[in-house]
C-alpha atoms as a PDB file:
ATOM      1  CA  MET A   1      57.686 -30.116  86.087  1.00  0.00           C
ATOM      2  CA  ILE A   2      58.227 -32.463  83.068  1.00  0.00           C
ATOM      3  CA  ILE A   3      57.925 -29.513  80.665  1.00  0.00           C
ATOM      4  CA  ASP A   4      60.665 -27.709  82.706  1.00  0.00           C
ATOM      5  CA  LEU A   5      62.864 -30.794  82.348  1.00  0.00           C
ATOM      6  CA  ILE A   6      62.228 -30.992  78.551  1.00  0.00           C
ATOM      7  CA  ILE A   7      63.059 -27.353  78.180  1.00  0.00           C
ATOM      8  CA  LEU A   8      66.199 -27.765  80.166  1.00  0.00           C
ATOM      9  CA  ILE A   9      67.413 -30.856  78.239  1.00  0.00           C
ATOM     10  CA  THR A  10      66.526 -29.024  74.873  1.00  0.00           C
ATOM     11  CA  GLY A  11      68.541 -25.952  75.886  1.00  0.00           C
ATOM     12  CA  LEU A  12      71.531 -28.045  76.965  1.00  0.00           C
ATOM     13  CA  ILE A  13      71.464 -29.975  73.518  1.00  0.00           C
ATOM     14  CA  ILE A  14      71.219 -26.657  71.532  1.00  0.00           C
ATOM     15  CA  GLY A  15      73.812 -25.121  73.622  1.00  0.00           C
ATOM     16  CA  PHE A  16      76.221 -27.949  73.253  1.00  0.00           C
ATOM     17  CA  ALA A  17      75.616 -28.037  69.391  1.00  0.00           C
ATOM     18  CA  TYR A  18      76.209 -24.242  69.118  1.00  0.00           C
ATOM     19  CA  GLY A  19      79.380 -24.460  71.290  1.00  0.00           C
ATOM     20  CA  ALA A  20      80.717 -27.441  69.339  1.00  0.00           C
ATOM     21  CA  HIS A  21      80.166 -25.545  66.056  1.00  0.00           C
ATOM     22  CA  HIS A  22      81.723 -22.363  67.308  1.00  0.00           C
ATOM     23  CA  ALA A  23      84.755 -24.270  68.583  1.00  0.00           C
ATOM     24  CA  LYS A  24      85.151 -26.038  65.270  1.00  0.00           C
ATOM     25  CA  LYS A  25      85.116 -22.617  63.507  1.00  0.00           C
ATOM     26  CA  ILE A  26      87.654 -21.244  65.875  1.00  0.00           C
ATOM     27  CA  PHE A  27      89.904 -24.243  65.542  1.00  0.00           C
ATOM     28  CA  THR A  28      89.658 -24.078  61.741  1.00  0.00           C
ATOM     29  CA  ASN A  29      90.716 -20.434  61.775  1.00  0.00           C
ATOM     30  CA  ILE A  30      93.653 -21.042  63.986  1.00  0.00           C
ATOM     31  CA  LEU A  31      94.792 -23.918  61.663  1.00  0.00           C
ATOM     32  CA  ASP A  32      94.361 -21.832  58.562  1.00  0.00           C
ATOM     33  CA  SER A  33      96.377 -18.943  60.155  1.00  0.00           C
ATOM     34  CA  ALA A  34      99.064 -21.330  61.165  1.00  0.00           C
ATOM     35  CA  ILE A  35      99.372 -22.774  57.764  1.00  0.00           C
ATOM     36  CA  GLU A  36      99.368 -19.293  56.238  1.00  0.00           C
ATOM     37  CA  ASP A  37     102.106 -17.986  58.666  1.00  0.00           C
ATOM     38  CA  SER A  38     104.280 -21.010  57.900  1.00  0.00           C
ATOM     39  CA  GLN A  39     104.514 -20.243  54.172  1.00  0.00           C
ATOM     40  CA  PRO A  40     107.250 -17.726  53.224  1.00  0.00           C
ATOM     41  CA  LYS A  41     105.695 -14.512  52.235  1.00  0.00           C
ATOM     42  CA  GLU A  42     106.968 -12.514  49.316  1.00  0.00           C
ATOM     43  CA  GLU A  43     108.074  -9.047  50.385  1.00  0.00           C
ATOM     44  CA  LYS A  44     109.501  -6.002  48.575  1.00  0.00           C
ATOM     45  CA  ASN A  45     113.048  -7.092  48.807  1.00  0.00           C
ATOM     46  CA  ASP A  46     112.420 -10.692  47.802  1.00  0.00           C
ATOM     47  CA  LEU A  47     113.592 -12.171  44.604  1.00  0.00           C
ATOM     48  CA  VAL A  48     111.472 -15.327  43.353  1.00  0.00           C
ATOM     49  CA  VAL A  49     113.481 -17.447  41.036  1.00  0.00           C
ATOM     50  CA  LYS A  50     112.885 -20.453  39.021  1.00  0.00           C
ATOM     51  CA  VAL A  51     115.634 -22.975  38.667  1.00  0.00           C
ATOM     52  CA  GLU A  52     116.366 -25.214  35.651  1.00  0.00           C
ATOM     53  CA  LYS A  53     118.857 -28.073  35.460  1.00  0.00           C
ATOM     54  CA  HIS A  54     120.555 -29.055  32.326  1.00  0.00           C
ATOM     55  CA  GLY A  55     123.190 -31.721  32.626  1.00  0.00           C
ATOM     56  CA  ASN A  56     125.223 -30.849  35.746  1.00  0.00           C
ATOM     57  CA  MET A  57     124.418 -27.104  35.654  1.00  0.00           C
ATOM     58  CA  PHE A  58     121.718 -25.101  37.320  1.00  0.00           C
ATOM     59  CA  TYR A  59     120.293 -21.974  35.786  1.00  0.00           C
ATOM     60  CA  LEU A  60     118.364 -19.371  37.722  1.00  0.00           C
ATOM     61  CA  TYR A  61     115.907 -17.066  36.105  1.00  0.00           C
ATOM     62  CA  ASP A  62     113.724 -14.221  37.600  1.00  0.00           C
ATOM     63  CA  ASN A  63     110.304 -15.773  37.967  1.00  0.00           C
ATOM     64  CA  GLU A  64     108.467 -12.559  36.873  1.00  0.00           C
ATOM     65  CA  THR A  65     110.565 -11.516  33.919  1.00  0.00           C
ATOM     66  CA  ASP A  66     112.390 -14.705  32.864  1.00  0.00           C
ATOM     67  CA  LYS A  67     115.538 -12.747  33.039  1.00  0.00           C
ATOM     68  CA  PHE A  68     118.798 -14.908  33.418  1.00  0.00           C
ATOM     69  CA  ILE A  69     120.438 -14.382  36.792  1.00  0.00           C
ATOM     70  CA  ILE A  70     123.183 -17.013  37.326  1.00  0.00           C
ATOM     71  CA  GLN A  71     124.371 -20.408  36.458  1.00  0.00           C
ATOM     72  CA  GLY A  72     126.346 -22.904  38.618  1.00  0.00           C
ATOM     73  CA  SER A  73     127.314 -26.553  38.937  1.00  0.00           C
ATOM     74  CA  ASN A  74     126.029 -26.802  42.577  1.00  0.00           C
ATOM     75  CA  LYS A  75     123.802 -25.276  45.145  1.00  0.00           C
ATOM     76  CA  GLU A  76     126.632 -23.894  47.264  1.00  0.00           C
ATOM     77  CA  GLU A  77     128.287 -22.047  44.365  1.00  0.00           C
ATOM     78  CA  ILE A  78     124.949 -20.339  43.521  1.00  0.00           C
ATOM     79  CA  VAL A  79     124.141 -19.511  47.105  1.00  0.00           C
ATOM     80  CA  ASN A  80     127.604 -17.978  47.610  1.00  0.00           C
ATOM     81  CA  PHE A  81     127.213 -15.829  44.587  1.00  0.00           C
ATOM     82  CA  LEU A  82     123.730 -14.816  45.605  1.00  0.00           C
ATOM     83  CA  GLN A  83     124.836 -13.668  49.052  1.00  0.00           C
ATOM     84  CA  LYS A  84     127.773 -11.627  47.574  1.00  0.00           C
ATOM     85  CA  THR A  85     125.625 -10.046  44.840  1.00  0.00           C
ATOM     86  CA  PHE A  86     122.340  -9.433  46.676  1.00  0.00           C
ATOM     87  CA  PRO A  87     123.170  -9.295  50.360  1.00  0.00           C
ATOM     88  CA  SER A  88     119.902  -7.601  51.419  1.00  0.00           C
ATOM     89  CA  ILE A  89     117.542  -9.538  49.247  1.00  0.00           C
ATOM     90  CA  ARG A  90     116.051 -12.902  50.200  1.00  0.00           C
ATOM     91  CA  VAL A  91     115.950 -15.356  47.173  1.00  0.00           C
ATOM     92  CA  LEU A  92     112.933 -17.614  47.049  1.00  0.00           C
ATOM     93  CA  VAL A  93     112.800 -20.621  44.700  1.00  0.00           C
ATOM     94  CA  THR A  94     109.418 -21.476  43.280  1.00  0.00           C
ATOM     95  CA  ALA A  95     107.933 -24.637  44.564  1.00  0.00           C
ATOM     96  CA  GLU A  96     107.724 -26.245  41.133  1.00  0.00           C
ATOM     97  CA  SER A  97     111.380 -25.633  40.453  1.00  0.00           C
ATOM     98  CA  ALA A  98     112.428 -26.874  43.999  1.00  0.00           C
ATOM     99  CA  LYS A  99     110.639 -30.160  43.321  1.00  0.00           C
ATOM    100  CA  LEU A 100     111.882 -30.573  39.713  1.00  0.00           C
ATOM    101  CA  VAL A 101     115.635 -30.004  40.622  1.00  0.00           C
ATOM    102  CA  ASP A 102     115.685 -30.842  44.276  1.00  0.00           C
ATOM    103  CA  PHE A 103     117.067 -27.352  45.005  1.00  0.00           C
ATOM    104  CA  LYS A 104     115.734 -26.425  48.349  1.00  0.00           C
END
């Protein structure tokens, strides 16, 4: 009878430990997926640009080729130009550029 009780308690402890480990693994996978999904993903029709600021002017360059795209004195001017010129392309600013010039 005492052996049965020891086996039962041992089984409960092992089961609880396994369940907690498995739940942690599932929770971690869900969090990783949520973080990954919240990041904008680059697609075929995306244009990734880097932004530089010199004085009061912003300069946009293609991130892959360093080809100059546009310059403007403010964000609205640049956004309007990009919407007219590239209506079906989503323009993404590199994280480094967004931090450096506060151009989100």
